[in-house]
Protein backbone atom coordinates (compact mmCIF):
# COMPACT_ATOMS: atom_id res chain seq x y z
CA MET A 1 -20.47 66.31 -9.19
CA ALA A 2 -19.21 68.12 -12.21
CA ARG A 3 -19.96 66.79 -15.69
CA ALA A 4 -16.35 65.77 -16.33
CA GLY A 5 -15.21 64.99 -12.80
CA LEU A 6 -15.07 65.88 -9.14
CA VAL A 7 -12.95 68.74 -7.79
CA ASP A 8 -12.12 69.04 -4.10
CA GLY A 9 -10.30 71.82 -2.32
CA VAL A 10 -8.98 72.19 1.21
CA GLY A 11 -8.02 75.18 3.35
CA ARG A 12 -8.70 78.89 3.47
CA PRO A 13 -6.76 80.27 1.76
CA LEU A 14 -6.63 77.31 -0.62
CA GLU A 15 -3.90 74.84 0.36
CA GLY A 16 -4.57 72.04 -2.10
CA VAL A 17 -6.86 70.58 -4.71
CA ALA A 18 -7.74 67.13 -6.04
CA LEU A 19 -9.32 66.30 -9.37
CA TRP A 20 -11.14 62.95 -9.66
CA ALA A 21 -12.92 61.24 -12.52
CA ASP A 22 -15.73 58.73 -12.15
CA VAL A 23 -14.77 56.08 -14.71
CA SER A 24 -17.32 53.52 -15.79
CA ARG A 25 -16.16 51.52 -18.82
CA ARG A 26 -13.71 53.32 -21.00
CA TRP A 27 -11.59 56.30 -19.99
CA GLY A 28 -11.31 59.47 -22.00
CA PHE A 29 -13.05 62.78 -22.43
CA GLY A 30 -13.88 62.42 -26.14
CA LEU A 31 -14.31 65.49 -28.32
CA GLY A 32 -17.41 66.69 -26.49
CA GLY A 33 -15.75 66.40 -23.10
CA LEU A 34 -12.61 68.18 -24.32
CA LEU A 35 -14.74 71.07 -25.54
CA ARG A 36 -16.82 71.16 -22.32
CA VAL A 37 -13.87 71.36 -19.95
CA GLY A 38 -11.73 73.63 -22.12
CA LEU A 39 -8.84 71.21 -22.76
CA TRP A 40 -8.94 72.06 -26.46
CA ARG A 41 -7.04 75.22 -25.46
CA SER A 42 -4.11 73.25 -24.05
CA PRO A 43 -1.89 73.38 -27.16
CA PHE A 44 -2.21 77.15 -27.27
CA VAL A 45 -1.71 77.71 -23.54
CA LEU A 46 0.99 75.12 -22.77
CA GLY A 47 3.09 75.33 -25.89
CA PRO A 48 4.79 72.56 -27.84
CA ALA A 49 7.45 71.58 -25.27
CA ALA A 50 4.90 71.04 -22.50
CA LEU A 51 2.64 69.08 -24.84
CA ARG A 52 5.54 66.77 -25.73
CA ARG A 53 6.19 66.13 -22.03
CA LEU A 54 2.49 65.42 -21.41
CA THR A 55 2.43 63.02 -24.35
CA ARG A 56 5.41 61.12 -22.88
CA LEU A 57 3.66 60.93 -19.48
CA GLN A 58 0.51 59.68 -21.15
CA ALA A 59 2.54 56.98 -22.93
CA VAL A 60 3.13 55.31 -19.56
CA SER A 61 0.04 56.37 -17.59
CA GLU A 62 -2.56 55.14 -20.12
CA PRO A 63 -1.17 51.55 -20.30
CA LEU A 64 -0.88 51.40 -16.49
CA HIS A 65 -4.44 52.63 -16.09
CA ASP A 66 -5.82 50.30 -18.75
CA ALA A 67 -4.02 47.26 -17.27
CA HIS A 68 -4.68 47.81 -13.58
CA ALA A 69 -7.81 49.88 -12.99
CA PRO A 70 -11.02 47.82 -12.73
CA ARG A 71 -14.24 49.27 -14.13
CA PRO A 72 -15.96 51.17 -12.63
CA HIS A 73 -13.62 53.15 -10.34
CA ARG A 74 -12.64 56.60 -9.12
CA TYR A 75 -9.54 57.93 -10.86
CA LEU A 76 -7.39 60.50 -9.06
CA LEU A 77 -6.13 62.58 -11.94
CA GLN A 78 -4.29 65.23 -9.93
CA LEU A 79 -3.49 66.00 -6.32
CA ALA A 80 -1.68 69.23 -5.66
CA VAL A 81 -0.75 70.88 -2.39
CA ARG A 82 0.98 74.24 -2.14
CA PRO A 83 4.67 73.69 -1.25
CA ASP A 84 4.40 75.78 1.91
CA CYS A 85 1.48 73.60 3.10
CA GLN A 86 2.95 70.18 2.39
CA GLY A 87 3.39 67.79 5.30
CA ARG A 88 0.55 69.34 7.32
CA GLY A 89 -2.36 67.05 6.35
CA ALA A 90 -3.84 68.82 3.32
CA GLY A 91 -3.14 65.88 0.99
CA SER A 92 -4.61 63.43 3.48
CA ALA A 93 -7.71 65.59 3.90
CA LEU A 94 -8.19 65.67 0.16
CA LEU A 95 -7.87 61.88 -0.13
CA LYS A 96 -9.84 60.85 2.97
CA ALA A 97 -13.34 62.07 2.10
CA ARG A 98 -13.26 60.91 -1.52
CA VAL A 99 -11.87 57.41 -0.82
CA GLU A 100 -14.39 56.94 1.98
CA GLU A 101 -17.20 58.01 -0.32
CA ALA A 102 -15.96 55.64 -3.07
CA SER A 103 -15.70 52.76 -0.58
CA ALA A 104 -19.27 53.38 0.62
CA ARG A 105 -20.36 53.05 -3.01
CA GLY A 106 -18.23 49.89 -3.47
CA LEU A 107 -15.85 51.61 -5.88
CA PRO A 108 -12.08 51.09 -5.98
CA CYS A 109 -9.84 54.12 -6.45
CA TYR A 110 -6.87 54.31 -8.85
CA LEU A 111 -4.06 56.80 -9.46
CA GLU A 112 -0.62 57.15 -10.98
CA THR A 113 2.21 58.99 -9.31
CA PHE A 114 5.57 60.05 -10.70
CA SER A 115 7.09 60.83 -7.30
CA GLU A 116 8.47 58.12 -5.02
CA ARG A 117 8.00 60.52 -2.12
CA THR A 118 4.19 60.36 -2.46
CA LEU A 119 4.01 56.57 -2.23
CA ALA A 120 3.92 56.73 1.60
CA LEU A 121 1.02 59.21 1.58
CA TYR A 122 -1.05 57.03 -0.73
CA GLY A 123 -0.06 53.91 1.22
CA ARG A 124 -1.44 55.43 4.43
CA HIS A 125 -4.79 55.71 2.65
CA GLY A 126 -4.88 52.07 1.54
CA PHE A 127 -3.40 52.38 -1.97
CA LYS A 128 -1.14 49.53 -3.14
CA VAL A 129 1.30 49.60 -6.06
CA VAL A 130 -0.14 47.44 -8.84
CA GLY A 131 2.15 48.40 -11.73
CA GLU A 132 5.20 50.44 -12.68
CA GLY A 133 6.68 51.97 -15.81
CA GLN A 134 9.20 54.44 -17.10
CA VAL A 135 8.34 57.64 -18.96
CA PRO A 136 10.05 57.53 -22.38
CA GLY A 137 12.81 59.96 -23.25
CA GLY A 138 14.48 59.97 -19.82
CA GLY A 139 11.33 60.95 -17.90
CA PRO A 140 10.43 59.95 -14.37
CA HIS A 141 9.46 56.53 -13.05
CA ALA A 142 5.71 55.94 -12.75
CA TRP A 143 3.69 53.88 -10.28
CA GLY A 144 0.07 52.79 -10.68
CA LEU A 145 -1.74 52.44 -7.36
CA LEU A 146 -5.08 50.86 -6.55
CA ARG A 147 -7.23 51.06 -3.42
CA ALA A 148 -9.88 48.38 -2.97
CA PRO A 149 -13.25 49.54 -1.60
């Protein structure tokens, strides 16, 4: 387990990755965590337009998370599969081991998705929609999903 989260990969060459956080009471990296994981560089690397988009996403994801994720839980921050590998089980492989491990520990799992297409994948792994929202400024629809242990 990494200090700021759990990172899983699948495939050789790499087909996909998942980034999880182990959330106890309150969510957030804090200044020390931002420095440890290098997120302080984000404004310089991403640029102002990307930061504005991330801020709009956060405006819907934080309230969903705060309202629907029990404490403690595992939080799926990011699941990414290379486009040429999608639909071949990489996403399921990334989810399966971590949700089974969380269930064995009695922990629920929570995530947000901004793609309706991924709802079926998460549903196959026991996630249920617990909340929805709209990203401000014409952004995508958001779904908060929870999986009981």
